[in-house]
């Protein structure tokens, strides 16, 4: 069965950095997702409780518009955004806009 858990927290925008990659100048935008509570499929909130249980996820944003978001999860030994794609793109996340999210969740039995 599919269970929908909703994470709750905040997004921390970190300083953008100008870099040169393969001869082109790019802006490296970084954000950090922090989540400190979760709502389970029944609506019950589960709090992190203490600072040790708060979770952080670093992401480098490669592309964003109203239809898509492309991010890279940096590795621990990262040398920069061009080093973070991983083997066969395993560190790349692609989020696409879903026009009818409620319908899609119903189809997945996750509403």
Foldseek 3Di string as FASTA:
>chain_A
DDWDKAFDDDKAWDDWDWDADPNDIDIWTKMKTKTAWMQTRVRDIDGLPDPVSIDIFMWIWDDDDPFKTKIFGADPPDPDDVRGCPVPSPRIDMDGDDPDVVVVCVVVVHD
